[in-house]
C-alpha atoms as a PDB file:
ATOM      1  CA  MET A   1      -3.584  -4.196 -28.500  1.00  0.00           C
ATOM      2  CA  ASP A   2      -7.012  -3.231 -26.700  1.00  0.00           C
ATOM      3  CA  TYR A   3      -5.303  -2.105 -23.425  1.00  0.00           C
ATOM      4  CA  GLU A   4      -3.844   0.977 -25.315  1.00  0.00           C
ATOM      5  CA  LEU A   5      -4.556   4.356 -23.929  1.00  0.00           C
ATOM      6  CA  MET A   6      -6.897   6.297 -25.946  1.00  0.00           C
ATOM      7  CA  LEU A   7      -7.930   9.676 -25.964  1.00  0.00           C
ATOM      8  CA  GLY A   8     -10.904  10.421 -23.722  1.00  0.00           C
ATOM      9  CA  ASP A   9      -9.665   7.359 -21.386  1.00  0.00           C
ATOM     10  CA  LYS A  10     -10.461   7.843 -17.904  1.00  0.00           C
ATOM     11  CA  LEU A  11      -7.718   7.346 -15.690  1.00  0.00           C
ATOM     12  CA  GLU A  12      -7.073   7.231 -12.078  1.00  0.00           C
ATOM     13  CA  VAL A  13      -4.284   8.869 -10.538  1.00  0.00           C
ATOM     14  CA  LEU A  14      -3.014   7.691  -6.848  1.00  0.00           C
ATOM     15  CA  ILE A  15      -1.652  10.317  -4.983  1.00  0.00           C
ATOM     16  CA  GLY A  16      -1.098   9.795  -1.280  1.00  0.00           C
ATOM     17  CA  GLU A  17      -4.152   7.892   0.478  1.00  0.00           C
ATOM     18  CA  HIS A  18      -6.704   9.137  -2.492  1.00  0.00           C
ATOM     19  CA  ARG A  19      -7.734   8.282  -5.585  1.00  0.00           C
ATOM     20  CA  CYS A  20      -7.680  11.136  -7.894  1.00  0.00           C
ATOM     21  CA  VAL A  21      -9.838  11.290 -11.633  1.00  0.00           C
ATOM     22  CA  SER A  22      -8.181  12.709 -14.972  1.00  0.00           C
ATOM     23  CA  ASP A  23      -8.381  11.743 -18.226  1.00  0.00           C
ATOM     24  CA  VAL A  24      -5.987  11.634 -21.317  1.00  0.00           C
ATOM     25  CA  GLN A  25      -6.494  14.970 -23.469  1.00  0.00           C
ATOM     26  CA  GLU A  26      -3.036  13.900 -25.904  1.00  0.00           C
ATOM     27  CA  ILE A  27      -1.023  11.903 -27.031  1.00  0.00           C
ATOM     28  CA  THR A  28       2.380  13.232 -28.376  1.00  0.00           C
ATOM     29  CA  GLU A  29       4.616  12.009 -31.021  1.00  0.00           C
ATOM     30  CA  ASP A  30       7.204  11.098 -28.236  1.00  0.00           C
ATOM     31  CA  GLY A  31       4.188   9.228 -26.261  1.00  0.00           C
ATOM     32  CA  HIS A  32       4.267  12.048 -23.339  1.00  0.00           C
ATOM     33  CA  LEU A  33       0.926  12.015 -22.130  1.00  0.00           C
ATOM     34  CA  ILE A  34      -1.518  14.827 -21.392  1.00  0.00           C
ATOM     35  CA  ILE A  35      -4.048  14.471 -18.804  1.00  0.00           C
ATOM     36  CA  SER A  36      -6.241  16.872 -17.221  1.00  0.00           C
ATOM     37  CA  ALA A  37      -4.642  17.672 -13.775  1.00  0.00           C
ATOM     38  CA  PRO A  38      -6.145  15.133 -11.417  1.00  0.00           C
ATOM     39  CA  MET A  39      -8.597  16.096  -9.134  1.00  0.00           C
ATOM     40  CA  TYR A  40      -9.518  14.999  -5.394  1.00  0.00           C
ATOM     41  CA  ARG A  41     -13.251  16.078  -4.563  1.00  0.00           C
ATOM     42  CA  SER A  42     -13.610  18.795  -7.707  1.00  0.00           C
ATOM     43  CA  MET A  43     -10.101  20.430  -6.660  1.00  0.00           C
ATOM     44  CA  VAL A  44      -7.154  19.938  -8.368  1.00  0.00           C
ATOM     45  CA  VAL A  45      -4.205  17.668  -6.404  1.00  0.00           C
ATOM     46  CA  PRO A  46      -1.090  20.103  -6.639  1.00  0.00           C
ATOM     47  CA  LEU A  47       1.505  18.494  -7.986  1.00  0.00           C
ATOM     48  CA  LEU A  48       5.454  18.741  -8.367  1.00  0.00           C
ATOM     49  CA  GLU A  49       7.613  17.918 -11.632  1.00  0.00           C
ATOM     50  CA  GLY A  50       9.631  14.984 -11.132  1.00  0.00           C
ATOM     51  CA  GLU A  51       7.107  13.494  -8.834  1.00  0.00           C
ATOM     52  CA  LEU A  52       6.138   9.508  -9.828  1.00  0.00           C
ATOM     53  CA  LEU A  53       2.696   8.650 -10.007  1.00  0.00           C
ATOM     54  CA  HIS A  54       0.789   5.369 -10.597  1.00  0.00           C
ATOM     55  CA  VAL A  55      -2.265   5.566 -12.895  1.00  0.00           C
ATOM     56  CA  VAL A  56      -4.770   2.582 -13.217  1.00  0.00           C
ATOM     57  CA  TYR A  57      -7.637   2.673 -16.417  1.00  0.00           C
ATOM     58  CA  TYR A  58     -10.085   0.124 -17.086  1.00  0.00           C
ATOM     59  CA  ARG A  59     -10.856  -1.890 -20.237  1.00  0.00           C
ATOM     60  CA  LYS A  60     -13.252  -5.226 -20.499  1.00  0.00           C
ATOM     61  CA  ALA A  61     -10.220  -7.265 -19.926  1.00  0.00           C
ATOM     62  CA  GLY A  62      -9.674  -5.730 -16.702  1.00  0.00           C
ATOM     63  CA  MET A  63      -7.449  -2.860 -15.029  1.00  0.00           C
ATOM     64  CA  PHE A  64      -4.447  -1.851 -16.187  1.00  0.00           C
ATOM     65  CA  SER A  65      -1.641   0.717 -14.747  1.00  0.00           C
ATOM     66  CA  PHE A  66       2.016   2.555 -15.218  1.00  0.00           C
ATOM     67  CA  VAL A  67       4.422   4.530 -12.917  1.00  0.00           C
ATOM     68  CA  ALA A  68       4.801   7.869 -14.701  1.00  0.00           C
ATOM     69  CA  GLN A  69       6.891  11.079 -13.959  1.00  0.00           C
ATOM     70  CA  LEU A  70       5.120  14.434 -14.470  1.00  0.00           C
ATOM     71  CA  ILE A  71       7.480  16.371 -16.579  1.00  0.00           C
ATOM     72  CA  ARG A  72       5.634  19.763 -16.223  1.00  0.00           C
ATOM     73  CA  ARG A  73       2.248  21.223 -15.355  1.00  0.00           C
ATOM     74  CA  TYR A  74       0.280  24.086 -17.374  1.00  0.00           C
ATOM     75  CA  ARG A  75      -2.708  26.180 -17.975  1.00  0.00           C
ATOM     76  CA  GLU A  76      -4.216  25.612 -21.709  1.00  0.00           C
ATOM     77  CA  GLY A  77      -7.204  28.252 -21.903  1.00  0.00           C
ATOM     78  CA  GLU A  78      -9.734  27.299 -19.018  1.00  0.00           C
ATOM     79  CA  ALA A  79      -8.068  23.853 -18.784  1.00  0.00           C
ATOM     80  CA  ASP A  80      -5.318  22.619 -15.814  1.00  0.00           C
ATOM     81  CA  LEU A  81      -3.094  20.089 -17.683  1.00  0.00           C
ATOM     82  CA  VAL A  82      -0.321  17.687 -16.846  1.00  0.00           C
ATOM     83  CA  GLU A  83       2.538  16.330 -19.443  1.00  0.00           C
ATOM     84  CA  LEU A  84       3.566  12.560 -18.231  1.00  0.00           C
ATOM     85  CA  ALA A  85       6.222  10.293 -19.463  1.00  0.00           C
ATOM     86  CA  LEU A  86       5.864   6.741 -19.041  1.00  0.00           C
ATOM     87  CA  LYS A  87       8.382   5.251 -16.600  1.00  0.00           C
ATOM     88  CA  SER A  88       6.991   1.491 -16.889  1.00  0.00           C
ATOM     89  CA  PRO A  89       5.548  -0.709 -19.273  1.00  0.00           C
ATOM     90  CA  ILE A  90       1.672  -0.582 -19.236  1.00  0.00           C
ATOM     91  CA  SER A  91       1.040  -3.673 -17.469  1.00  0.00           C
ATOM     92  CA  LYS A  92      -2.059  -5.679 -16.046  1.00  0.00           C
ATOM     93  CA  TYR A  93      -2.930  -4.703 -12.453  1.00  0.00           C
ATOM     94  CA  GLN A  94      -3.189  -7.373 -10.074  1.00  0.00           C
ATOM     95  CA  ARG A  95      -5.816  -7.175  -6.954  1.00  0.00           C
ATOM     96  CA  ARG A  96      -4.436  -4.457  -4.700  1.00  0.00           C
ATOM     97  CA  ASP A  97      -4.205  -7.682  -1.712  1.00  0.00           C
ATOM     98  CA  PHE A  98      -2.132  -9.754  -3.694  1.00  0.00           C
ATOM     99  CA  VAL A  99       0.894  -6.809  -5.343  1.00  0.00           C
ATOM    100  CA  ARG A 100       3.289  -8.290  -3.204  1.00  0.00           C
ATOM    101  CA  LEU A 101       6.926  -5.991  -2.148  1.00  0.00           C
ATOM    102  CA  ASP A 102      10.082  -8.122  -1.375  1.00  0.00           C
ATOM    103  CA  THR A 103      10.961  -5.288   1.267  1.00  0.00           C
ATOM    104  CA  VAL A 104      12.520  -4.834   4.994  1.00  0.00           C
ATOM    105  CA  ILE A 105      10.672  -2.309   7.006  1.00  0.00           C
ATOM    106  CA  PRO A 106      10.888  -2.565  10.924  1.00  0.00           C
ATOM    107  CA  LEU A 107       7.967  -3.456  12.837  1.00  0.00           C
ATOM    108  CA  SER A 108       6.642  -4.174  15.881  1.00  0.00           C
ATOM    109  CA  VAL A 109       4.125  -6.547  17.234  1.00  0.00           C
ATOM    110  CA  ARG A 110       1.959  -6.940  20.455  1.00  0.00           C
ATOM    111  CA  LEU A 111       0.062 -10.044  20.982  1.00  0.00           C
ATOM    112  CA  ILE A 112      -3.964  -9.435  21.313  1.00  0.00           C
ATOM    113  CA  ALA A 113      -5.484 -12.920  21.353  1.00  0.00           C
ATOM    114  CA  ARG A 114      -4.164 -16.290  21.623  1.00  0.00           C
ATOM    115  CA  PRO A 115      -5.739 -19.124  19.195  1.00  0.00           C
ATOM    116  CA  GLN A 116      -8.179 -20.242  21.749  1.00  0.00           C
ATOM    117  CA  HIS A 117      -9.345 -16.932  22.059  1.00  0.00           C
ATOM    118  CA  VAL A 118     -10.188 -16.421  18.787  1.00  0.00           C
ATOM    119  CA  VAL A 119     -11.447 -19.373  18.553  1.00  0.00           C
ATOM    120  CA  ALA A 120     -14.075 -18.716  21.806  1.00  0.00           C
ATOM    121  CA  ARG A 121     -15.344 -15.532  20.112  1.00  0.00           C
ATOM    122  CA  SER A 122     -15.550 -13.888  16.310  1.00  0.00           C
ATOM    123  CA  VAL A 123     -12.588 -11.889  15.586  1.00  0.00           C
ATOM    124  CA  ASP A 124     -14.977  -8.526  15.522  1.00  0.00           C
ATOM    125  CA  GLU A 125     -16.220  -9.425  18.644  1.00  0.00           C
ATOM    126  CA  ILE A 126     -12.873  -9.402  20.107  1.00  0.00           C
ATOM    127  CA  LEU A 127     -11.621  -6.292  18.328  1.00  0.00           C
ATOM    128  CA  ARG A 128     -14.498  -4.307  19.952  1.00  0.00           C
ATOM    129  CA  MET A 129     -13.675  -5.529  23.343  1.00  0.00           C
ATOM    130  CA  ILE A 130     -10.143  -4.085  23.053  1.00  0.00           C
ATOM    131  CA  TYR A 131     -10.743  -0.577  21.488  1.00  0.00           C
ATOM    132  CA  ASP A 132     -13.395   1.962  20.416  1.00  0.00           C
ATOM    133  CA  GLN A 133     -13.728   2.481  16.345  1.00  0.00           C
ATOM    134  CA  ARG A 134     -11.671   5.810  16.993  1.00  0.00           C
ATOM    135  CA  TYR A 135      -8.695   4.180  17.739  1.00  0.00           C
ATOM    136  CA  VAL A 136      -8.602   2.224  14.734  1.00  0.00           C
ATOM    137  CA  GLY A 137      -5.404   2.327  13.044  1.00  0.00           C
ATOM    138  CA  VAL A 138      -3.493   4.058  15.840  1.00  0.00           C
ATOM    139  CA  PRO A 139      -1.679   2.039  18.591  1.00  0.00           C
ATOM    140  CA  ARG A 140      -3.294   1.347  21.716  1.00  0.00           C
ATOM    141  CA  PRO A 141      -1.979   2.157  24.911  1.00  0.00           C
ATOM    142  CA  LEU A 142       0.500  -0.608  26.699  1.00  0.00           C
ATOM    143  CA  GLY A 143      -1.088  -2.663  29.206  1.00  0.00           C
ATOM    144  CA  GLU A 144      -0.255  -4.160  32.139  1.00  0.00           C
ATOM    145  CA  GLY A 145       1.837  -7.063  31.512  1.00  0.00           C
ATOM    146  CA  GLU A 146       1.693  -6.536  27.584  1.00  0.00           C
ATOM    147  CA  GLU A 147       4.832  -6.737  25.689  1.00  0.00           C
ATOM    148  CA  ILE A 148       6.082  -4.856  22.120  1.00  0.00           C
ATOM    149  CA  TYR A 149       7.885  -7.637  20.016  1.00  0.00           C
ATOM    150  CA  SER A 150      10.259  -6.015  17.173  1.00  0.00           C
ATOM    151  CA  GLY A 151      11.186  -7.425  13.562  1.00  0.00           C
ATOM    152  CA  TYR A 152      11.303  -6.661  10.215  1.00  0.00           C
ATOM    153  CA  THR A 153       9.173  -7.249   6.845  1.00  0.00           C
ATOM    154  CA  ILE A 154       9.887  -9.865   4.954  1.00  0.00           C
ATOM    155  CA  ASP A 155       7.668  -8.890   2.084  1.00  0.00           C
ATOM    156  CA  ILE A 156       4.140  -6.760   2.295  1.00  0.00           C
ATOM    157  CA  SER A 157       1.036  -6.440   0.422  1.00  0.00           C
ATOM    158  CA  GLY A 158      -2.250  -4.591   1.172  1.00  0.00           C
ATOM    159  CA  GLY A 159      -3.509  -7.713   2.771  1.00  0.00           C
ATOM    160  CA  GLY A 160      -0.769  -8.738   4.665  1.00  0.00           C
ATOM    161  CA  VAL A 161       2.902  -9.170   5.845  1.00  0.00           C
ATOM    162  CA  ARG A 162       5.329 -11.917   6.186  1.00  0.00           C
ATOM    163  CA  PHE A 163       7.968 -10.693   8.839  1.00  0.00           C
ATOM    164  CA  ALA A 164      10.995 -11.906  11.020  1.00  0.00           C
ATOM    165  CA  SER A 165      11.034 -11.714  14.776  1.00  0.00           C
ATOM    166  CA  ARG A 166      12.931 -13.347  17.877  1.00  0.00           C
ATOM    167  CA  GLU A 167       9.416 -13.769  19.195  1.00  0.00           C
ATOM    168  CA  SER A 168       7.475 -16.789  18.620  1.00  0.00           C
ATOM    169  CA  PHE A 169       3.584 -16.452  17.748  1.00  0.00           C
ATOM    170  CA  GLU A 170       1.171 -19.381  17.406  1.00  0.00           C
ATOM    171  CA  THR A 171      -1.007 -19.378  14.017  1.00  0.00           C
ATOM    172  CA  GLY A 172      -4.479 -18.403  14.668  1.00  0.00           C
ATOM    173  CA  ALA A 173      -3.810 -15.485  17.696  1.00  0.00           C
ATOM    174  CA  LEU A 174      -4.994 -11.878  16.736  1.00  0.00           C
ATOM    175  CA  VAL A 175      -1.894  -9.704  17.159  1.00  0.00           C
ATOM    176  CA  GLU A 176      -1.556  -5.558  16.511  1.00  0.00           C
ATOM    177  CA  CYS A 177       0.548  -4.391  14.002  1.00  0.00           C
ATOM    178  CA  THR A 178       2.889  -1.588  13.812  1.00  0.00           C
ATOM    179  CA  LEU A 179       4.708  -0.917  10.149  1.00  0.00           C
ATOM    180  CA  HIS A 180       7.207   1.963  10.478  1.00  0.00           C
ATOM    181  CA  LEU A 181       7.524   2.585   6.660  1.00  0.00           C
ATOM    182  CA  SER A 182       9.735   5.855   7.200  1.00  0.00           C
ATOM    183  CA  GLU A 183      11.003   7.852   9.513  1.00  0.00           C
ATOM    184  CA  SER A 184       8.039  10.625   8.965  1.00  0.00           C
ATOM    185  CA  ASN A 185       5.280   7.126   8.213  1.00  0.00           C
ATOM    186  CA  GLU A 186       4.277   4.660  10.252  1.00  0.00           C
ATOM    187  CA  VAL A 187       0.649   2.584  10.388  1.00  0.00           C
ATOM    188  CA  THR A 188      -0.843   0.004  13.070  1.00  0.00           C
ATOM    189  CA  VAL A 189      -2.901  -2.283  11.764  1.00  0.00           C
ATOM    190  CA  ASP A 190      -4.521  -5.545  13.440  1.00  0.00           C
ATOM    191  CA  GLY A 191      -4.158  -8.725  11.926  1.00  0.00           C
ATOM    192  CA  GLN A 192      -4.204 -12.633  12.587  1.00  0.00           C
ATOM    193  CA  ILE A 193      -1.171 -15.133  12.233  1.00  0.00           C
ATOM    194  CA  VAL A 194      -1.904 -17.444   9.343  1.00  0.00           C
ATOM    195  CA  ARG A 195       1.285 -19.241   8.907  1.00  0.00           C
ATOM    196  CA  GLN A 196       4.417 -20.083  10.894  1.00  0.00           C
ATOM    197  CA  ASP A 197       7.211 -20.554   8.200  1.00  0.00           C
ATOM    198  CA  SER A 198       9.765 -21.724  10.946  1.00  0.00           C
ATOM    199  CA  GLU A 199       9.840 -23.011  13.868  1.00  0.00           C
ATOM    200  CA  GLY A 200      12.950 -21.334  14.674  1.00  0.00           C
ATOM    201  CA  ASN A 201      15.279 -22.306  17.914  1.00  0.00           C
ATOM    202  CA  ALA A 202      16.833 -20.742  20.668  1.00  0.00           C
ATOM    203  CA  GLY A 203      18.524 -17.195  19.590  1.00  0.00           C
ATOM    204  CA  GLN A 204      17.380 -17.719  16.188  1.00  0.00           C
ATOM    205  CA  GLU A 205      14.315 -15.732  14.270  1.00  0.00           C
ATOM    206  CA  PHE A 206      11.209 -16.841  13.506  1.00  0.00           C
ATOM    207  CA  ARG A 207       9.103 -16.244  10.624  1.00  0.00           C
ATOM    208  CA  ALA A 208       5.410 -15.868  10.332  1.00  0.00           C
ATOM    209  CA  SER A 209       2.660 -14.662   8.272  1.00  0.00           C
ATOM    210  CA  ILE A 210      -0.023 -11.704   9.170  1.00  0.00           C
ATOM    211  CA  GLN A 211      -3.251 -11.088   7.722  1.00  0.00           C
ATOM    212  CA  PHE A 212      -4.645  -8.185   8.279  1.00  0.00           C
ATOM    213  CA  VAL A 213      -8.268  -7.713   9.200  1.00  0.00           C
ATOM    214  CA  ASN A 214     -10.616  -5.146  10.541  1.00  0.00           C
ATOM    215  CA  ILE A 215      -8.271  -2.810   8.308  1.00  0.00           C
ATOM    216  CA  GLU A 216      -9.605   0.755   7.307  1.00  0.00           C
ATOM    217  CA  GLU A 217      -9.519   1.904   3.550  1.00  0.00           C
ATOM    218  CA  ARG A 218      -6.985   5.019   4.063  1.00  0.00           C
ATOM    219  CA  ILE A 219      -4.609   2.593   6.249  1.00  0.00           C
ATOM    220  CA  ARG A 220      -4.440  -0.155   3.163  1.00  0.00           C
ATOM    221  CA  ARG A 221      -3.799   2.681   0.971  1.00  0.00           C
ATOM    222  CA  LYS A 222      -1.170   4.126   2.324  1.00  0.00           C
ATOM    223  CA  ILE A 223       0.813   0.386   2.178  1.00  0.00           C
ATOM    224  CA  ILE A 224      -0.238   0.152  -1.070  1.00  0.00           C
ATOM    225  CA  LYS A 225       1.343   3.355  -2.159  1.00  0.00           C
ATOM    226  CA  HIS A 226       4.236   2.721  -0.028  1.00  0.00           C
ATOM    227  CA  ILE A 227       4.299  -0.335  -2.243  1.00  0.00           C
ATOM    228  CA  PHE A 228       4.526   1.738  -5.333  1.00  0.00           C
ATOM    229  CA  ASP A 229       6.270   3.817  -4.549  1.00  0.00           C
ATOM    230  CA  GLN A 230       8.737   1.765  -3.928  1.00  0.00           C
ATOM    231  CA  GLN A 231       8.630  -0.376  -6.685  1.00  0.00           C
ATOM    232  CA  ALA A 232       8.579   2.561  -8.823  1.00  0.00           C
ATOM    233  CA  LYS A 233      12.290   3.825  -7.570  1.00  0.00           C
ATOM    234  CA  ASP A 234      13.211   0.147  -7.757  1.00  0.00           C
ATOM    235  CA  HIS A 235      12.100   0.514 -11.424  1.00  0.00           C
ATOM    236  CA  LEU A 236      14.287   3.793 -12.225  1.00  0.00           C
ATOM    237  CA  LEU A 237      17.020   2.148 -10.694  1.00  0.00           C
ATOM    238  CA  SER A 238      17.130  -0.296 -12.629  1.00  0.00           C
ATOM    239  CA  ILE A 239      17.120   1.573 -15.953  1.00  0.00           C
ATOM    240  CA  GLY A 240      19.820   4.178 -14.628  1.00  0.00           C
ATOM    241  CA  LEU A 241      17.255   7.283 -13.724  1.00  0.00           C
ATOM    242  CA  GLY A 242      17.348   6.934 -10.369  1.00  0.00           C
END
């Protein structure tokens, strides 16, 4: 198969917000991979034994990926090496915007501009009016009369989120969305309501979809890292290793 790993293959290891470089040094008889220690900006990235890693590599047919677990780190001569055990099948790597995870994550949403204002001005123009570049990726101070509405995600990807809330948002509206990925990890992104899945009634939840706009790559990578980490954990649970 033309996507099978071979000696010398260049790898990208997704660690936190970074895409770290490595390559295949050896493939053992039991199928483990020996790779050079992943590096970011010419520095070896510290890793822990047992850590789950998402690995990507390239072929003419496209990008392929798998989840691996770090078995050990060691040094051989002048080389820093890492031994990995594959924990998922190798699969075609989808475009990151379409890698979607069904998950429930608390989120908060704030209206930035109603659809009629978005039509009158471009999205980028509205965002420039609202905040200086230094505020990209962090919640803005709450303005007079503004409200923050709580809800939860139904599914999430690097390109957007589908969510449920007791507040109805008009299609085309521009919103600020804060995703509470964990107790110590949250991200704020701007997005546009591209679909309302249900109209809802009094006291019931509305469901809508947000497409991220003007999102910084570091924030997108943090979301994608969360998705792949959760997928890896779910896979281990499914095979009784969680």
